[in-house]
C-alpha cells in the first residue's frame, strides 16, 4: 500500500455510489440542486425552498 494518495470523504462517497459533492465552484448540473454541499435531484424535498 505504498504511495497511495489520501482520498477525501467526498471522493470516497462518489466511489461508493453516494451523492456528489458540490459548492459554488462545482455545480451539480441540469436537473440537480446543491443542498448542503450535496447534489440532490431537483424534485426532492431538499431542493424546495
N, C-alpha and C. Protein backbone atom coordinates (compact mmCIF):
# COMPACT_ATOMS: atom_id res chain seq x y z
N UNK A 1 0.81 -1.19 0.00
CA UNK A 1 0.00 0.00 0.00
C UNK A 1 0.86 1.26 0.00
N UNK A 2 2.03 1.17 -0.52
CA UNK A 2 2.88 2.34 -0.59
C UNK A 2 2.39 3.28 -1.67
N UNK A 3 2.69 4.55 -1.49
CA UNK A 3 2.37 5.59 -2.47
C UNK A 3 0.88 5.73 -2.76
N UNK A 4 0.03 5.38 -1.82
CA UNK A 4 -1.40 5.55 -2.00
C UNK A 4 -1.76 6.96 -1.53
N UNK A 5 -2.41 7.71 -2.41
CA UNK A 5 -2.79 9.08 -2.06
C UNK A 5 -3.95 9.06 -1.07
N UNK A 6 -3.99 10.10 -0.28
CA UNK A 6 -5.09 10.27 0.66
C UNK A 6 -6.36 10.60 -0.13
N UNK A 7 -7.44 9.92 0.16
CA UNK A 7 -8.70 10.14 -0.55
C UNK A 7 -9.64 10.92 0.36
N UNK A 8 -10.22 11.98 -0.15
CA UNK A 8 -11.13 12.80 0.65
C UNK A 8 -12.47 12.07 0.85
N UNK A 9 -13.22 12.54 1.84
CA UNK A 9 -14.53 11.94 2.12
C UNK A 9 -15.46 12.06 0.91
N UNK A 10 -15.39 13.21 0.22
CA UNK A 10 -16.25 13.40 -0.95
C UNK A 10 -15.94 12.38 -2.03
N UNK A 11 -14.66 12.14 -2.28
CA UNK A 11 -14.29 11.17 -3.30
C UNK A 11 -14.66 9.76 -2.89
N UNK A 12 -14.56 9.44 -1.62
CA UNK A 12 -14.97 8.11 -1.16
C UNK A 12 -16.46 7.89 -1.38
N UNK A 13 -17.27 8.92 -1.08
CA UNK A 13 -18.71 8.79 -1.29
C UNK A 13 -19.02 8.59 -2.77
N UNK A 14 -18.31 9.31 -3.63
CA UNK A 14 -18.54 9.17 -5.07
C UNK A 14 -18.17 7.77 -5.55
N UNK A 15 -17.07 7.24 -5.02
CA UNK A 15 -16.62 5.90 -5.41
C UNK A 15 -17.63 4.86 -4.93
N UNK A 16 -18.13 5.03 -3.71
CA UNK A 16 -19.06 4.07 -3.13
C UNK A 16 -20.46 4.18 -3.74
N UNK A 17 -20.73 5.23 -4.45
CA UNK A 17 -22.04 5.40 -5.08
C UNK A 17 -22.92 6.38 -4.36
N UNK A 18 -22.34 7.19 -3.50
CA UNK A 18 -23.11 8.19 -2.77
C UNK A 18 -23.40 9.40 -3.64
N UNK A 19 -23.86 10.44 -3.00
CA UNK A 19 -24.20 11.67 -3.72
C UNK A 19 -22.97 12.52 -3.96
N UNK A 20 -22.96 13.24 -5.07
CA UNK A 20 -21.83 14.06 -5.48
C UNK A 20 -21.71 15.31 -4.61
N UNK A 21 -20.48 15.72 -4.32
CA UNK A 21 -20.20 16.95 -3.57
C UNK A 21 -20.35 18.15 -4.49
N UNK A 22 -20.85 19.27 -3.96
CA UNK A 22 -20.98 20.48 -4.76
C UNK A 22 -20.73 21.71 -3.90
N UNK A 23 -20.42 22.81 -4.57
CA UNK A 23 -20.32 24.13 -3.94
C UNK A 23 -20.40 25.16 -5.06
N UNK A 24 -19.99 26.41 -4.79
CA UNK A 24 -20.09 27.46 -5.81
C UNK A 24 -19.24 27.17 -7.04
N UNK A 25 -18.08 26.56 -6.86
CA UNK A 25 -17.19 26.26 -7.99
C UNK A 25 -17.54 24.93 -8.67
N UNK A 26 -18.21 24.04 -7.98
CA UNK A 26 -18.55 22.72 -8.52
C UNK A 26 -20.07 22.57 -8.61
N UNK A 27 -20.69 23.06 -9.69
CA UNK A 27 -22.15 22.93 -9.81
C UNK A 27 -22.56 21.49 -10.09
N UNK A 28 -23.81 21.19 -9.80
CA UNK A 28 -24.31 19.82 -9.98
C UNK A 28 -24.69 19.49 -11.42
N UNK A 29 -25.26 20.46 -12.11
CA UNK A 29 -25.70 20.20 -13.47
C UNK A 29 -27.21 20.31 -13.58
N UNK A 30 -27.70 20.14 -14.78
CA UNK A 30 -29.12 20.29 -15.05
C UNK A 30 -29.92 19.17 -14.38
N UNK A 31 -31.01 19.55 -13.75
CA UNK A 31 -31.87 18.56 -13.09
C UNK A 31 -31.45 18.25 -11.67
N UNK A 32 -30.43 18.93 -11.16
CA UNK A 32 -29.93 18.72 -9.81
C UNK A 32 -29.79 20.05 -9.11
N UNK A 33 -29.88 20.05 -7.78
CA UNK A 33 -29.63 21.26 -7.00
C UNK A 33 -28.58 20.94 -5.93
N UNK A 34 -27.92 21.97 -5.45
CA UNK A 34 -26.90 21.81 -4.42
C UNK A 34 -27.53 22.16 -3.08
N UNK A 35 -27.77 21.15 -2.24
CA UNK A 35 -28.37 21.35 -0.93
C UNK A 35 -27.43 20.78 0.13
N UNK A 36 -26.87 21.67 0.95
CA UNK A 36 -25.94 21.20 1.99
C UNK A 36 -24.66 20.63 1.42
N UNK A 37 -24.16 21.22 0.34
CA UNK A 37 -22.94 20.77 -0.35
C UNK A 37 -23.07 19.36 -0.92
N UNK A 38 -24.30 18.97 -1.23
CA UNK A 38 -24.56 17.66 -1.83
C UNK A 38 -25.52 17.82 -3.00
N UNK A 39 -25.22 17.20 -4.11
CA UNK A 39 -26.12 17.25 -5.27
C UNK A 39 -27.33 16.36 -5.02
N UNK A 40 -28.50 16.96 -5.18
CA UNK A 40 -29.76 16.24 -4.99
C UNK A 40 -30.63 16.42 -6.23
N UNK A 41 -31.51 15.46 -6.53
CA UNK A 41 -32.44 15.64 -7.65
C UNK A 41 -33.31 16.86 -7.40
N UNK A 42 -33.59 17.60 -8.44
CA UNK A 42 -34.32 18.87 -8.33
C UNK A 42 -35.72 18.67 -7.76
N UNK A 43 -36.32 17.50 -7.92
CA UNK A 43 -37.67 17.26 -7.41
C UNK A 43 -37.70 16.71 -5.98
N UNK A 44 -36.54 16.61 -5.32
CA UNK A 44 -36.52 16.11 -3.94
C UNK A 44 -36.95 17.21 -2.98
N UNK A 45 -37.32 16.83 -1.78
CA UNK A 45 -37.77 17.80 -0.78
C UNK A 45 -36.64 18.72 -0.32
N UNK A 46 -35.39 18.32 -0.50
CA UNK A 46 -34.24 19.15 -0.12
C UNK A 46 -34.13 20.39 -0.99
N UNK A 47 -34.65 20.34 -2.21
CA UNK A 47 -34.49 21.44 -3.16
C UNK A 47 -35.67 22.40 -3.16
N UNK A 48 -36.67 22.16 -2.35
CA UNK A 48 -37.84 23.03 -2.31
C UNK A 48 -37.62 24.14 -1.29
N UNK A 49 -37.25 25.33 -1.77
CA UNK A 49 -37.09 26.46 -0.84
C UNK A 49 -37.70 27.71 -1.36
